[in-house]
Amino acid sequence: MSDIATLPGLAGSSELPVVPVREILPWAAFAALVGLAAVWFVGAEQGAAAIFDGTTVHEFVHDARHLLGFPCH
């Protein structure tokens, strides 16, 4: 038999745990910040608002630019 059924709080329970929004909000904000940074580097880096000089970032994310529909040529 599985050991999961013998864990406290899970035996005979089919309900999912409720997580308060105040616990999820910091992680959601962090994920949004990471997502915005990813879109910045894929879509805007090596343009007029570039942070880094050269073409290193552009070449690193070149295929992602085309996959997401950003023009680069």
N, C-alpha and C. Protein backbone atom coordinates (compact mmCIF):
# COMPACT_ATOMS: atom_id res chain seq x y z
N MET A 1 0.84 -1.17 0.00
CA MET A 1 0.00 0.00 0.00
C MET A 1 0.89 1.24 0.00
N SER A 2 0.38 2.32 -0.45
CA SER A 2 1.12 3.57 -0.55
C SER A 2 1.26 4.25 0.81
N ASP A 3 2.40 4.88 1.02
CA ASP A 3 2.63 5.62 2.27
C ASP A 3 1.91 6.96 2.27
N ILE A 4 1.48 7.42 1.12
CA ILE A 4 0.81 8.71 1.04
C ILE A 4 -0.52 8.69 1.81
N ALA A 5 -1.20 7.58 1.77
CA ALA A 5 -2.50 7.49 2.44
C ALA A 5 -2.36 7.54 3.96
N THR A 6 -1.16 7.29 4.48
CA THR A 6 -0.97 7.29 5.93
C THR A 6 -0.44 8.62 6.46
N LEU A 7 -0.18 9.59 5.60
CA LEU A 7 0.30 10.89 6.05
C LEU A 7 -0.79 11.64 6.78
N PRO A 8 -0.44 12.35 7.86
CA PRO A 8 -1.46 13.10 8.59
C PRO A 8 -2.07 14.19 7.72
N GLY A 9 -3.35 14.33 7.77
CA GLY A 9 -4.04 15.35 7.00
C GLY A 9 -4.46 14.91 5.62
N LEU A 10 -3.94 13.79 5.13
CA LEU A 10 -4.30 13.32 3.79
C LEU A 10 -5.15 12.06 3.82
N ALA A 11 -5.17 11.36 4.91
CA ALA A 11 -5.91 10.11 4.98
C ALA A 11 -7.41 10.37 4.88
N GLY A 12 -8.03 9.85 3.87
CA GLY A 12 -9.46 9.97 3.69
C GLY A 12 -9.93 11.34 3.27
N SER A 13 -9.05 12.24 2.94
CA SER A 13 -9.42 13.61 2.56
C SER A 13 -9.29 13.78 1.06
N SER A 14 -10.32 14.31 0.44
CA SER A 14 -10.26 14.57 -1.00
C SER A 14 -10.28 16.07 -1.29
N GLU A 15 -10.15 16.90 -0.26
CA GLU A 15 -10.17 18.34 -0.43
C GLU A 15 -8.76 18.87 -0.69
N LEU A 16 -8.67 19.88 -1.54
CA LEU A 16 -7.39 20.52 -1.79
C LEU A 16 -7.13 21.57 -0.72
N PRO A 17 -5.86 21.76 -0.37
CA PRO A 17 -5.58 22.79 0.64
C PRO A 17 -5.84 24.19 0.08
N VAL A 18 -6.32 25.08 0.91
CA VAL A 18 -6.61 26.45 0.51
C VAL A 18 -5.40 27.31 0.86
N VAL A 19 -4.88 28.02 -0.14
CA VAL A 19 -3.73 28.89 0.07
C VAL A 19 -4.21 30.33 0.00
N PRO A 20 -3.96 31.13 1.04
CA PRO A 20 -4.41 32.53 1.03
C PRO A 20 -3.70 33.34 -0.05
N VAL A 21 -4.40 34.32 -0.58
CA VAL A 21 -3.86 35.16 -1.65
C VAL A 21 -2.60 35.89 -1.19
N ARG A 22 -2.54 36.28 0.08
CA ARG A 22 -1.38 37.03 0.58
C ARG A 22 -0.11 36.19 0.54
N GLU A 23 -0.24 34.87 0.49
CA GLU A 23 0.93 34.00 0.36
C GLU A 23 1.32 33.80 -1.10
N ILE A 24 0.38 33.92 -1.99
CA ILE A 24 0.65 33.73 -3.42
C ILE A 24 1.15 35.01 -4.07
N LEU A 25 0.69 36.16 -3.58
CA LEU A 25 0.99 37.44 -4.21
C LEU A 25 2.48 37.73 -4.38
N PRO A 26 3.34 37.52 -3.39
CA PRO A 26 4.77 37.79 -3.62
C PRO A 26 5.38 36.91 -4.71
N TRP A 27 4.96 35.65 -4.77
CA TRP A 27 5.48 34.76 -5.81
C TRP A 27 4.95 35.15 -7.19
N ALA A 28 3.71 35.60 -7.25
CA ALA A 28 3.14 36.05 -8.52
C ALA A 28 3.85 37.31 -9.01
N ALA A 29 4.16 38.22 -8.10
CA ALA A 29 4.89 39.44 -8.47
C ALA A 29 6.30 39.09 -8.95
N PHE A 30 6.96 38.16 -8.28
CA PHE A 30 8.30 37.73 -8.70
C PHE A 30 8.25 37.08 -10.08
N ALA A 31 7.27 36.22 -10.33
CA ALA A 31 7.14 35.57 -11.64
C ALA A 31 6.85 36.60 -12.73
N ALA A 32 6.04 37.61 -12.42
CA ALA A 32 5.76 38.66 -13.40
C ALA A 32 7.02 39.46 -13.71
N LEU A 33 7.83 39.75 -12.72
CA LEU A 33 9.07 40.49 -12.92
C LEU A 33 10.06 39.68 -13.78
N VAL A 34 10.19 38.41 -13.50
CA VAL A 34 11.06 37.55 -14.30
C VAL A 34 10.54 37.45 -15.74
N GLY A 35 9.23 37.35 -15.89
CA GLY A 35 8.63 37.30 -17.23
C GLY A 35 8.86 38.58 -18.01
N LEU A 36 8.70 39.71 -17.34
CA LEU A 36 8.95 40.99 -18.02
C LEU A 36 10.41 41.14 -18.42
N ALA A 37 11.32 40.69 -17.57
CA ALA A 37 12.74 40.73 -17.92
C ALA A 37 13.04 39.84 -19.12
N ALA A 38 12.40 38.67 -19.18
CA ALA A 38 12.61 37.77 -20.32
C ALA A 38 12.09 38.41 -21.61
N VAL A 39 10.91 39.02 -21.56
CA VAL A 39 10.37 39.68 -22.75
C VAL A 39 11.25 40.86 -23.16
N TRP A 40 11.80 41.57 -22.17
CA TRP A 40 12.71 42.69 -22.47
C TRP A 40 13.92 42.20 -23.26
N PHE A 41 14.57 41.16 -22.76
CA PHE A 41 15.78 40.68 -23.42
C PHE A 41 15.49 40.06 -24.77
N VAL A 42 14.34 39.42 -24.93
CA VAL A 42 14.01 38.83 -26.22
C VAL A 42 13.55 39.88 -27.21
N GLY A 43 12.76 40.83 -26.76
CA GLY A 43 12.14 41.76 -27.69
C GLY A 43 12.79 43.10 -27.85
N ALA A 44 13.41 43.65 -26.82
CA ALA A 44 13.87 45.03 -26.91
C ALA A 44 15.39 45.18 -26.84
N GLU A 45 16.09 44.20 -26.33
CA GLU A 45 17.54 44.32 -26.20
C GLU A 45 18.19 44.36 -27.58
N GLN A 46 19.23 45.14 -27.71
CA GLN A 46 19.95 45.40 -28.95
C GLN A 46 19.17 46.34 -29.86
N GLY A 47 18.28 47.07 -29.29
CA GLY A 47 17.54 48.08 -30.04
C GLY A 47 17.91 49.46 -29.55
N ALA A 48 16.99 50.40 -29.66
CA ALA A 48 17.25 51.78 -29.24
C ALA A 48 17.43 51.88 -27.73
N ALA A 49 16.82 50.99 -26.97
CA ALA A 49 16.90 51.05 -25.52
C ALA A 49 17.78 49.92 -24.97
N ALA A 50 18.85 49.58 -25.67
CA ALA A 50 19.71 48.47 -25.27
C ALA A 50 20.48 48.78 -23.99
N ILE A 51 20.63 47.78 -23.16
CA ILE A 51 21.41 47.91 -21.94
C ILE A 51 22.86 47.50 -22.19
N PHE A 52 23.06 46.43 -22.97
CA PHE A 52 24.40 45.90 -23.23
C PHE A 52 24.85 46.28 -24.63
N ASP A 53 26.15 46.51 -24.81
CA ASP A 53 26.72 46.78 -26.13
C ASP A 53 27.00 45.48 -26.85
N GLY A 54 27.12 45.55 -28.17
CA GLY A 54 27.44 44.36 -28.95
C GLY A 54 26.20 43.58 -29.33
N THR A 55 26.44 42.41 -29.91
CA THR A 55 25.34 41.58 -30.40
C THR A 55 25.20 40.27 -29.63
N THR A 56 25.84 40.14 -28.50
CA THR A 56 25.81 38.89 -27.75
C THR A 56 24.40 38.51 -27.33
N VAL A 57 23.67 39.42 -26.73
CA VAL A 57 22.30 39.13 -26.27
C VAL A 57 21.41 38.83 -27.46
N HIS A 58 21.55 39.59 -28.54
CA HIS A 58 20.74 39.37 -29.74
C HIS A 58 20.96 37.97 -30.29
N GLU A 59 22.20 37.55 -30.40
CA GLU A 59 22.49 36.22 -30.94
C GLU A 59 22.01 35.12 -30.00
N PHE A 60 22.07 35.36 -28.69
CA PHE A 60 21.64 34.36 -27.72
C PHE A 60 20.14 34.11 -27.79
N VAL A 61 19.35 35.15 -28.03
CA VAL A 61 17.89 35.02 -28.04
C VAL A 61 17.31 35.14 -29.45
N HIS A 62 18.14 34.98 -30.47
CA HIS A 62 17.71 35.19 -31.85
C HIS A 62 16.52 34.32 -32.25
N ASP A 63 16.59 33.03 -31.98
CA ASP A 63 15.48 32.14 -32.37
C ASP A 63 14.22 32.43 -31.57
N ALA A 64 14.37 32.82 -30.31
CA ALA A 64 13.20 33.16 -29.50
C ALA A 64 12.52 34.40 -30.05
N ARG A 65 13.30 35.34 -30.58
CA ARG A 65 12.71 36.54 -31.18
C ARG A 65 11.78 36.16 -32.33
N HIS A 66 12.25 35.28 -33.21
CA HIS A 66 11.42 34.86 -34.34
C HIS A 66 10.22 34.04 -33.87
N LEU A 67 10.41 33.16 -32.89
CA LEU A 67 9.32 32.33 -32.37
C LEU A 67 8.20 33.18 -31.79
N LEU A 68 8.55 34.27 -31.11
CA LEU A 68 7.56 35.15 -30.49
C LEU A 68 7.06 36.26 -31.42
N GLY A 69 7.59 36.31 -32.63
CA GLY A 69 7.10 37.28 -33.61
C GLY A 69 7.77 38.64 -33.58
N PHE A 70 8.92 38.76 -32.90
CA PHE A 70 9.64 40.03 -32.91
C PHE A 70 10.53 40.09 -34.15
N PRO A 71 10.44 41.17 -34.93
CA PRO A 71 11.34 41.28 -36.08
C PRO A 71 12.75 41.66 -35.61
N CYS A 72 13.75 41.17 -36.32
CA CYS A 72 15.12 41.53 -35.94
C CYS A 72 16.04 41.68 -37.13
N HIS A 73 15.52 41.56 -38.34
CA HIS A 73 16.37 41.71 -39.53
C HIS A 73 15.91 42.91 -40.33
